[in-house]
Every structure is written in structure tokens, then in C-alpha cells.
Amino acid sequence: MVTYPSTTCREATLVDVDAIAACANAAFVADAFFKKQAFAQRFTREDIQAMLSQDHSAFLVVNAKVDDQVATQLAGCIHVEYDAHTGMGHFGSVSVPKEFERQGLGSALVQAAELWLAAKHSAGLWVEICVVNVRHELFSFYERKGYRRTGRLNQDPGFAMILNDAYKHVHTEYMVKYIQLPAVAA
């Protein structure tokens, strides 16, 4: 568990599948304008179950609080994975539904993802993310956290397939950050 002043991020289990789907799909309504209707939802239950069953892959989640009591509804989630072959970390699908925005949950989830990745690697590592070019506010959000634009575009043909005709120009761009792990005192 990763604890923040008022936020606790934890690694999800299969019990959380429906809550992750609800959280991510609610948050990704912001991207619906450039997608074909058939792809409006970010995840299905099966997508999430498959991601949770992969080695070196996890969803980190934050439960909502109601009257200082932890609720079953998720206030945010993030998918994180570590590629043992390349030593590269990745995260994506940072999801905070509108009613929980502007509370620092996105930042807490990114920090939790970085800590999760650092725990998987014994030295510093590169973290790579993909950001949708028409969501300009996301570039500055990640730049404030130390990520830099690479200018390299994600050439995934699956992404182009989900775009509606008016938004064929939409693409994702890679951003990277090197995470230097703190020295451990002897």
C-alpha cells in the first residue's frame, strides 16, 4: 500500500474488476469525442481480467471516501506494467472520474505507479507513457511531474481504428522520465 496525506493507493485484485471498469469508463468519457461509438468504453471486464492476470502488470486503485469512511466506489485507478526484457516501465489509463477531479488523485496515482515500478527494478529505470495529442492539458500535467515529450509517435494501428472520421489526425505521443532510485543506506 502507498499512503499519501489523505489517499491510499493499493494494488487491485480480481474483486475490483467491475469497479475498475466503472471508474475508467467514467473517466474516459473525456476522450469519447474522437472515438467511434463502438469504442466509447475504455475497458470491458475481460480486458481488465486479462491485464490483471499478466506477470509484471497491475492496476493501482484509490477508493472514494464518504464522510471519512472508505467506500467501495473507486475514485481513481491506473494501469502499470514493467517489461523485464527491456527494463522499461509503462503506465497508462490514468482514470479519475469527474466528481473526484482536482483533489490530487491523478498525481497520487502517477506517484504510486512510479513507486510500484521502482519496486520491480533494482536500479534506475525509464518510464514511458503515451499521451493523446488533442488532450493538451495532459502534456503539461506530465511535464510538471518530470516527463518530457520525445516527439516519437505511437504507430499502433489499433489506435487509428478507433478514431471517428472527423478525428483521423489524432495520435498518441510518447513521453519519458528516468526514475533514479534513492541510495539505500548500508
Protein backbone atom coordinates (compact mmCIF):
# COMPACT_ATOMS: atom_id res chain seq x y z
CA MET A 1 0.00 0.00 0.00
CA VAL A 2 1.19 3.51 -0.83
CA THR A 3 -0.09 6.15 1.56
CA TYR A 4 -0.48 9.88 0.89
CA PRO A 5 -1.84 12.58 3.19
CA SER A 6 -5.45 11.59 2.51
CA THR A 7 -5.08 8.99 -0.23
CA THR A 8 -4.14 5.32 -0.08
CA CYS A 9 -3.32 3.57 -3.34
CA ARG A 10 -3.41 -0.20 -3.34
CA GLU A 11 -2.88 -2.95 -5.87
CA ALA A 12 -6.18 -4.18 -7.28
CA THR A 13 -7.39 -7.77 -7.18
CA LEU A 14 -9.96 -9.61 -9.30
CA VAL A 15 -12.63 -8.46 -6.82
CA ASP A 16 -12.05 -4.92 -8.15
CA VAL A 17 -12.71 -5.69 -11.84
CA ASP A 18 -16.22 -4.17 -12.01
CA ALA A 19 -15.18 -1.11 -10.00
CA ILE A 20 -12.14 -0.55 -12.26
CA ALA A 21 -14.33 -0.80 -15.36
CA ALA A 22 -16.83 1.70 -13.93
CA CYS A 23 -14.08 4.11 -12.83
CA ALA A 24 -12.05 4.00 -16.06
CA ASN A 25 -15.07 4.13 -18.34
CA ALA A 26 -16.46 7.14 -16.45
CA ALA A 27 -13.12 8.95 -16.63
CA PHE A 28 -12.53 8.20 -20.31
CA VAL A 29 -15.80 9.87 -21.35
CA ALA A 30 -13.47 12.86 -21.87
CA ASP A 31 -11.97 11.02 -24.87
CA ALA A 32 -15.28 9.95 -26.42
CA PHE A 33 -15.41 12.89 -28.85
CA PHE A 34 -12.65 11.46 -31.07
CA LYS A 35 -13.67 7.79 -30.92
CA LYS A 36 -16.15 5.75 -32.90
CA GLN A 37 -19.23 4.96 -30.81
CA ALA A 38 -18.30 1.25 -30.65
CA PHE A 39 -15.08 2.21 -28.82
CA ALA A 40 -16.52 4.75 -26.37
CA GLN A 41 -15.84 2.49 -23.38
CA ARG A 42 -12.19 2.22 -22.32
CA PHE A 43 -12.34 -1.31 -20.87
CA THR A 44 -14.52 -4.38 -20.66
CA ARG A 45 -14.44 -6.74 -17.68
CA GLU A 46 -12.49 -9.19 -19.85
CA ASP A 47 -9.86 -6.56 -20.72
CA ILE A 48 -9.25 -5.85 -17.04
CA GLN A 49 -9.18 -9.52 -16.04
CA ALA A 50 -6.60 -10.19 -18.76
CA MET A 51 -4.44 -7.26 -17.66
CA LEU A 52 -4.59 -8.35 -14.01
CA SER A 53 -3.53 -11.88 -14.93
CA GLN A 54 -0.33 -10.79 -16.71
CA ASP A 55 3.02 -11.01 -14.96
CA HIS A 56 4.55 -7.63 -14.14
CA SER A 57 1.20 -5.87 -14.64
CA ALA A 58 -1.22 -4.34 -12.14
CA PHE A 59 -3.96 -1.83 -11.61
CA LEU A 60 -3.44 0.51 -8.69
CA VAL A 61 -6.65 1.91 -7.23
CA VAL A 62 -7.86 4.56 -4.80
CA ASN A 63 -11.18 4.07 -3.03
CA ALA A 64 -13.50 7.01 -2.58
CA LYS A 65 -14.13 8.36 0.90
CA VAL A 66 -17.60 9.25 2.11
CA ASP A 67 -17.77 11.04 5.46
CA ASP A 68 -14.19 9.90 6.14
CA GLN A 69 -15.20 6.27 5.56
CA VAL A 70 -13.63 4.32 2.70
CA ALA A 71 -16.30 3.44 0.14
CA THR A 72 -16.39 0.60 -2.37
CA GLN A 73 -16.60 3.06 -5.26
CA LEU A 74 -13.22 3.82 -6.81
CA ALA A 75 -12.10 7.44 -7.00
CA GLY A 76 -9.25 6.55 -9.35
CA CYS A 77 -7.18 3.84 -10.99
CA ILE A 78 -4.08 3.44 -13.15
CA HIS A 79 -2.65 0.53 -15.12
CA VAL A 80 1.07 -0.09 -14.66
CA GLU A 81 3.41 -2.67 -16.17
CA TYR A 82 7.08 -3.50 -16.13
CA ASP A 83 8.86 -5.07 -19.11
CA ALA A 84 11.55 -7.31 -17.62
CA HIS A 85 13.20 -7.78 -21.04
CA THR A 86 13.76 -4.07 -21.69
CA GLY A 87 13.83 -2.84 -18.11
CA MET A 88 11.26 -0.22 -19.12
CA GLY A 89 8.24 0.75 -17.07
CA HIS A 90 4.92 1.86 -18.52
CA PHE A 91 1.71 3.23 -17.13
CA GLY A 92 -1.49 4.40 -18.70
CA SER A 93 -5.23 4.70 -18.37
CA VAL A 94 -4.91 7.16 -15.51
CA SER A 95 -8.57 7.38 -14.54
CA VAL A 96 -10.21 9.84 -12.18
CA PRO A 97 -13.96 10.32 -12.73
CA LYS A 98 -15.15 13.92 -12.95
CA GLU A 99 -16.63 14.00 -9.43
CA PHE A 100 -13.17 13.25 -7.97
CA GLU A 101 -11.07 15.56 -10.16
CA ARG A 102 -8.95 18.39 -8.72
CA GLN A 103 -8.22 16.50 -5.49
CA GLY A 104 -4.68 15.36 -6.34
CA LEU A 105 -5.71 11.79 -7.13
CA GLY A 106 -4.15 11.76 -10.61
CA SER A 107 -0.84 12.90 -9.14
CA ALA A 108 -1.10 10.34 -6.35
CA LEU A 109 -1.77 7.57 -8.89
CA VAL A 110 1.21 8.59 -11.04
CA GLN A 111 3.46 8.64 -7.98
CA ALA A 112 2.13 5.24 -6.89
CA ALA A 113 2.82 3.85 -10.37
CA GLU A 114 6.40 5.15 -10.24
CA LEU A 115 6.91 3.59 -6.80
CA TRP A 116 5.41 0.28 -7.99
CA LEU A 117 7.80 0.26 -10.95
CA ALA A 118 10.77 1.19 -8.77
CA ALA A 119 10.00 -1.77 -6.52
CA LYS A 120 10.21 -4.08 -9.56
CA HIS A 121 13.66 -2.85 -10.59
CA SER A 122 16.86 -2.74 -8.56
CA ALA A 123 18.36 0.26 -10.37
CA GLY A 124 17.02 3.40 -12.01
CA LEU A 125 14.65 2.88 -14.90
CA TRP A 126 12.93 4.68 -17.74
CA VAL A 127 9.17 5.08 -17.58
CA GLU A 128 7.32 5.59 -20.85
CA ILE A 129 3.76 6.79 -21.33
CA CYS A 130 1.57 7.62 -24.33
CA VAL A 131 -0.44 10.83 -24.37
CA VAL A 132 -3.23 11.71 -26.81
CA ASN A 133 -2.24 14.82 -28.79
CA VAL A 134 -5.66 16.52 -28.56
CA ARG A 135 -5.63 16.38 -24.75
CA HIS A 136 -3.18 19.30 -24.44
CA GLU A 137 -3.69 19.66 -20.69
CA LEU A 138 -2.22 16.18 -20.19
CA PHE A 139 1.15 17.15 -21.65
CA SER A 140 1.59 19.95 -19.11
CA PHE A 141 0.32 17.69 -16.29
CA TYR A 142 3.03 15.11 -17.04
CA GLU A 143 5.72 17.72 -17.73
CA ARG A 144 5.17 19.09 -14.21
CA LYS A 145 5.92 15.57 -12.97
CA GLY A 146 9.24 15.41 -14.85
CA TYR A 147 8.12 13.67 -18.05
CA ARG A 148 9.39 15.01 -21.35
CA ARG A 149 7.99 14.76 -24.84
CA THR A 150 10.02 12.60 -27.19
CA GLY A 151 8.42 13.62 -30.48
CA ARG A 152 8.03 9.90 -31.19
CA LEU A 153 4.53 8.87 -32.19
CA ASN A 154 2.89 5.59 -31.29
CA GLN A 155 2.25 3.81 -34.57
CA ASP A 156 -0.27 1.32 -33.17
CA PRO A 157 -2.76 0.57 -35.98
CA GLY A 158 -5.32 -0.42 -33.35
CA PHE A 159 -5.50 3.18 -32.14
CA ALA A 160 -6.18 4.53 -35.65
CA MET A 161 -9.01 2.01 -35.95
CA ILE A 162 -10.98 3.52 -33.04
CA LEU A 163 -10.96 7.10 -34.39
CA ASN A 164 -14.10 8.58 -35.91
CA ASP A 165 -13.80 10.15 -39.37
CA ALA A 166 -13.58 13.74 -38.11
CA TYR A 167 -10.58 12.92 -35.90
CA LYS A 168 -8.29 10.80 -38.08
CA HIS A 169 -5.50 13.30 -37.24
CA VAL A 170 -5.49 12.24 -33.57
CA HIS A 171 -2.46 10.26 -32.42
CA THR A 172 -0.55 9.42 -29.28
CA GLU A 173 2.93 10.66 -28.46
CA TYR A 174 5.46 9.09 -26.14
CA MET A 175 6.71 10.88 -23.06
CA VAL A 176 9.52 9.54 -20.86
CA LYS A 177 11.05 10.03 -17.45
CA TYR A 178 14.08 8.45 -15.83
CA ILE A 179 13.45 7.42 -12.26
CA GLN A 180 16.61 7.31 -10.18
CA LEU A 181 16.12 5.13 -7.17
CA PRO A 182 17.33 6.54 -3.87
CA ALA A 183 20.52 5.06 -2.47
CA VAL A 184 19.97 2.57 0.32
CA ALA A 185 21.98 3.30 3.45
CA ALA A 186 24.32 0.49 4.47
